[in-house]
Every structure is written in structure tokens, then in C-alpha cells.
Amino acid sequence: MFGYSEEQVAWFGLTFGVSAFMLYMVFIIFQLARESKAGRMGTFVLFLALGFGLLGFAAKGLIKYFLAGVTE
């Protein structure tokens, strides 16, 4: 596809596509907190609860990166 291999397209989609999607989800959480007038504590709870999955996904990538670097 346009001179790129399937592996290169998949890598680009997984790094930049998923990162953009995660930033969009942070924006959605912020909008949800703002529209519901959650206040500081409510906004913190929303980001903690809903953003915890994003943090886990990012941590999984970092753990895989560091483990792969140690074994090679």
C-alpha cells in the first residue's frame, strides 16, 4: 500500500492511531466532567476511574518494551 509493508502500516496504526484515540478519550472524559458540573473532586474521580484503563494499556506497552529490551 503506497510502498509500505503491512508491518509498517500496522506499526503506524498501533502507535499513532491508538495514541490519538487515547487522547480523544481523555477529551471525552473532560467534556463529561465539564457538562455534568462535577467539580474538582468529581473530575478527579472521573479521570481516576475512566482513565485507569488508559493507564493500564499504556503501562502494558511500556512493560513489553522494557522486557523485550532486557531479553535481547
Protein backbone atom coordinates (compact mmCIF):
# COMPACT_ATOMS: atom_id res chain seq x y z
CA MET A 1 0.00 0.00 0.00
CA PHE A 2 1.75 3.14 -1.29
CA GLY A 3 5.11 1.37 -0.97
CA TYR A 4 4.69 0.43 2.71
CA SER A 5 4.63 -3.11 4.03
CA GLU A 6 1.80 -4.47 6.11
CA GLU A 7 4.05 -4.45 9.17
CA GLN A 8 4.84 -0.73 8.75
CA VAL A 9 1.17 0.18 8.35
CA ALA A 10 0.24 -1.89 11.41
CA TRP A 11 3.03 -0.31 13.49
CA PHE A 12 1.92 3.18 12.49
CA GLY A 13 -1.71 2.42 13.28
CA LEU A 14 -0.91 0.90 16.63
CA THR A 15 1.39 3.67 17.79
CA PHE A 16 -0.14 6.84 16.39
CA GLY A 17 -3.72 5.66 15.85
CA VAL A 18 -4.18 4.23 19.32
CA SER A 19 -2.38 7.20 20.88
CA ALA A 20 -4.70 9.62 19.09
CA PHE A 21 -7.70 7.54 20.20
CA MET A 22 -6.49 7.64 23.81
CA LEU A 23 -6.10 11.43 23.68
CA TYR A 24 -9.61 11.67 22.28
CA MET A 25 -10.89 9.56 25.18
CA VAL A 26 -9.21 11.96 27.64
CA PHE A 27 -11.04 14.80 25.89
CA ILE A 28 -14.34 12.89 26.22
CA ILE A 29 -13.74 12.37 29.96
CA PHE A 30 -13.00 16.10 30.34
CA GLN A 31 -16.18 17.02 28.43
CA LEU A 32 -18.19 14.63 30.59
CA ALA A 33 -16.84 16.23 33.76
CA ARG A 34 -17.46 19.74 32.46
CA GLU A 35 -21.01 19.12 31.23
CA SER A 36 -22.02 17.35 34.44
CA LYS A 37 -20.55 20.19 36.57
CA ALA A 38 -18.64 17.58 38.56
CA GLY A 39 -16.31 19.99 40.33
CA ARG A 40 -12.72 19.25 41.22
CA MET A 41 -13.34 16.09 43.21
CA GLY A 42 -15.80 14.70 40.68
CA THR A 43 -13.44 15.43 37.82
CA PHE A 44 -10.65 13.70 39.69
CA VAL A 45 -12.84 10.65 40.30
CA LEU A 46 -13.89 10.54 36.64
CA PHE A 47 -10.30 10.72 35.43
CA LEU A 48 -9.23 8.15 38.02
CA ALA A 49 -11.96 5.65 37.21
CA LEU A 50 -12.25 6.09 33.45
CA GLY A 51 -8.61 6.91 32.82
CA PHE A 52 -7.36 3.90 34.77
CA GLY A 53 -7.93 1.67 31.75
CA LEU A 54 -5.91 4.02 29.56
CA LEU A 55 -3.10 3.99 32.09
CA GLY A 56 -3.13 0.19 32.19
CA PHE A 57 -2.97 -0.01 28.40
CA ALA A 58 -0.02 2.40 28.30
CA ALA A 59 1.72 0.55 31.14
CA LYS A 60 1.34 -2.73 29.26
CA GLY A 61 3.15 -1.24 26.28
CA LEU A 62 5.96 0.11 28.43
CA ILE A 63 6.38 -3.19 30.26
CA LYS A 64 6.55 -5.08 26.96
CA TYR A 65 9.11 -2.58 25.64
CA PHE A 66 11.40 -2.88 28.65
CA LEU A 67 11.12 -6.66 28.88
CA ALA A 68 11.93 -7.01 25.19
CA GLY A 69 14.97 -4.76 25.65
CA VAL A 70 16.26 -6.84 28.56
CA THR A 71 15.95 -10.20 26.80
CA GLU A 72 17.56 -9.18 23.50
